[in-house]
Protein backbone atom coordinates (compact mmCIF):
# COMPACT_ATOMS: atom_id res chain seq x y z
CA UNK A 1 122.48 68.33 141.49
CA UNK A 2 119.95 69.45 144.01
CA UNK A 3 116.52 67.86 143.79
CA UNK A 4 114.68 71.23 143.71
CA UNK A 5 116.76 72.50 140.78
CA UNK A 6 116.19 69.27 138.85
CA UNK A 7 112.43 69.55 139.46
CA UNK A 8 112.39 73.16 138.24
CA UNK A 9 114.34 72.33 135.09
CA UNK A 10 111.98 69.42 134.37
CA UNK A 11 108.95 71.65 134.91
CA UNK A 12 110.29 74.34 132.55
CA UNK A 13 111.05 71.75 129.85
CA UNK A 14 107.61 70.18 130.23
CA UNK A 15 105.92 73.58 130.01
CA UNK A 16 107.93 74.43 126.87
CA UNK A 17 106.99 71.12 125.25
CA UNK A 18 103.32 71.64 126.11
CA UNK A 19 103.35 75.16 124.65
CA UNK A 20 105.03 73.92 121.48
CA UNK A 21 102.47 71.12 121.07
CA UNK A 22 99.58 73.55 121.65
CA UNK A 23 100.99 75.95 119.09
CA UNK A 24 101.31 73.20 116.49
CA UNK A 25 97.72 72.06 117.10
CA UNK A 26 96.33 75.59 116.81
CA UNK A 27 98.39 76.28 113.72
CA UNK A 28 96.44 73.78 111.64
CA UNK A 29 96.84 70.42 109.99
CA UNK A 30 99.56 71.62 107.63
CA UNK A 31 97.68 70.55 104.50
CA UNK A 32 98.30 73.93 102.88
CA UNK A 33 101.41 74.11 100.75
CA UNK A 34 103.72 76.77 102.18
CA UNK A 35 105.46 77.27 98.85
CA UNK A 36 102.31 78.32 96.96
CA UNK A 37 101.82 82.09 96.87
CA UNK A 38 98.54 83.48 98.17
CA UNK A 39 97.12 86.64 96.70
CA UNK A 40 96.04 89.36 99.13
CA UNK A 41 93.45 90.52 96.58
CA UNK A 42 90.55 88.31 95.54
CA UNK A 43 90.88 87.50 91.90
CA UNK A 44 94.58 88.32 91.94
CA UNK A 45 95.59 84.98 90.46
CA UNK A 46 93.88 85.53 87.09
CA UNK A 47 95.72 88.84 86.75
CA UNK A 48 99.01 87.07 87.39
CA UNK A 49 98.13 84.41 84.81
CA UNK A 50 97.21 87.12 82.31
CA UNK A 51 100.47 88.99 82.90
CA UNK A 52 102.37 85.72 82.39
CA UNK A 53 100.52 85.13 79.11
CA UNK A 54 101.37 88.66 77.97
CA UNK A 55 105.03 88.09 78.85
CA UNK A 56 105.07 84.85 76.88
CA UNK A 57 103.57 86.27 73.66
CA UNK A 58 106.30 88.88 73.48
CA UNK A 59 106.03 91.98 71.28
CA UNK A 60 102.51 91.03 70.15
CA UNK A 61 101.31 91.93 73.66
CA UNK A 62 101.57 95.63 72.77
CA UNK A 63 98.57 95.32 70.44
CA UNK A 64 96.56 92.99 72.73
CA UNK A 65 93.72 94.76 74.61
CA UNK A 66 93.68 92.15 77.39
CA UNK A 67 97.37 92.75 78.05
CA UNK A 68 96.84 96.50 78.16
CA UNK A 69 94.08 96.05 80.76
CA UNK A 70 96.23 93.67 82.80
CA UNK A 71 99.17 96.10 82.76
CA UNK A 72 96.90 99.01 83.77
CA UNK A 73 95.48 96.98 86.67
CA UNK A 74 98.97 95.95 87.75
CA UNK A 75 100.12 99.58 87.73
CA UNK A 76 97.03 100.63 89.67
CA UNK A 77 97.67 98.01 92.36
CA UNK A 78 101.38 98.73 92.58
CA UNK A 79 101.15 102.53 92.59
CA UNK A 80 98.04 102.80 94.79
CA UNK A 81 98.85 104.66 98.01
CA UNK A 82 98.50 102.66 101.20
CA UNK A 83 96.45 105.45 102.80
CA UNK A 84 94.21 108.06 101.23
CA UNK A 85 95.98 111.21 100.13
CA UNK A 86 94.77 114.33 101.88
CA UNK A 87 95.81 117.58 100.21
CA UNK A 88 97.79 119.96 102.36
CA UNK A 89 95.72 123.01 103.11
CA UNK A 90 97.47 126.11 104.32
CA UNK A 91 96.14 127.25 107.67
CA UNK A 92 94.11 130.41 107.60
CA UNK A 93 96.08 133.39 108.83
CA UNK A 94 93.98 135.77 110.80
CA UNK A 95 95.38 138.89 112.38
CA UNK A 96 95.16 138.98 116.11
CA UNK A 97 94.30 142.59 117.05
CA UNK A 98 96.17 142.31 120.33
CA UNK A 99 99.44 141.62 118.46
CA UNK A 100 99.17 144.46 115.92
CA UNK A 101 101.29 147.48 116.96
CA UNK A 102 99.41 150.78 117.35
CA UNK A 103 99.56 153.23 114.47
CA UNK A 104 102.01 156.10 114.95
CA UNK A 105 102.47 159.12 112.75
CA UNK A 106 105.50 158.78 110.50
CA UNK A 107 108.59 160.70 111.51
CA UNK A 108 110.95 162.15 108.94
CA UNK A 109 114.24 160.33 108.60
CA UNK A 110 116.98 161.35 111.00
CA UNK A 111 114.59 163.65 112.92
CA UNK A 112 115.75 162.31 116.23
CA UNK A 113 119.42 162.93 115.34
CA UNK A 114 119.03 166.72 115.06
CA UNK A 115 119.60 168.63 118.32
CA UNK A 116 117.51 171.67 117.29
CA UNK A 117 114.23 171.78 115.48
CA UNK A 118 114.32 173.29 112.05
CA UNK A 119 113.47 176.97 112.12
CA UNK A 120 113.08 179.47 109.37
CA UNK A 121 115.58 182.32 109.44
CA UNK A 122 114.11 185.90 109.42
C-alpha cells in the first residue's frame, strides 16, 4: 500500500473517532434512563396516573368525577388540532366593469333567419 493512501485512511479514521467522542461528550453523562417516557406537557404524568387508576377501578370509573375530568382532558389533548383552525371565507366577488358585456336590445327569436322583414299586407 502506498504511504500517502495509508496516511489518508488513518486521518479519516482518527477524524471519525474524534467526532464520535465529541458527540458522546456533548450528548450528556447518560444518567437519564432512556426507557422512561417523558411527557411533552408539564403535569402530564399525573394525568397518566389518573387514567391508569380509572382503568384499574373498572366500571366504577363511570361514576367517578375525577375519572370524567381525566378522560375529558385526555380527549382534549388528543383531539386538539396542531395548528389553529381558520374558517374558510369565500372571496368577495366584485364585478369588473371592463369585463361586463355592453347591453344590447333583445332581438326576437329567429329574426336573423328571415330573409325579408315582416310587412303587413294591404
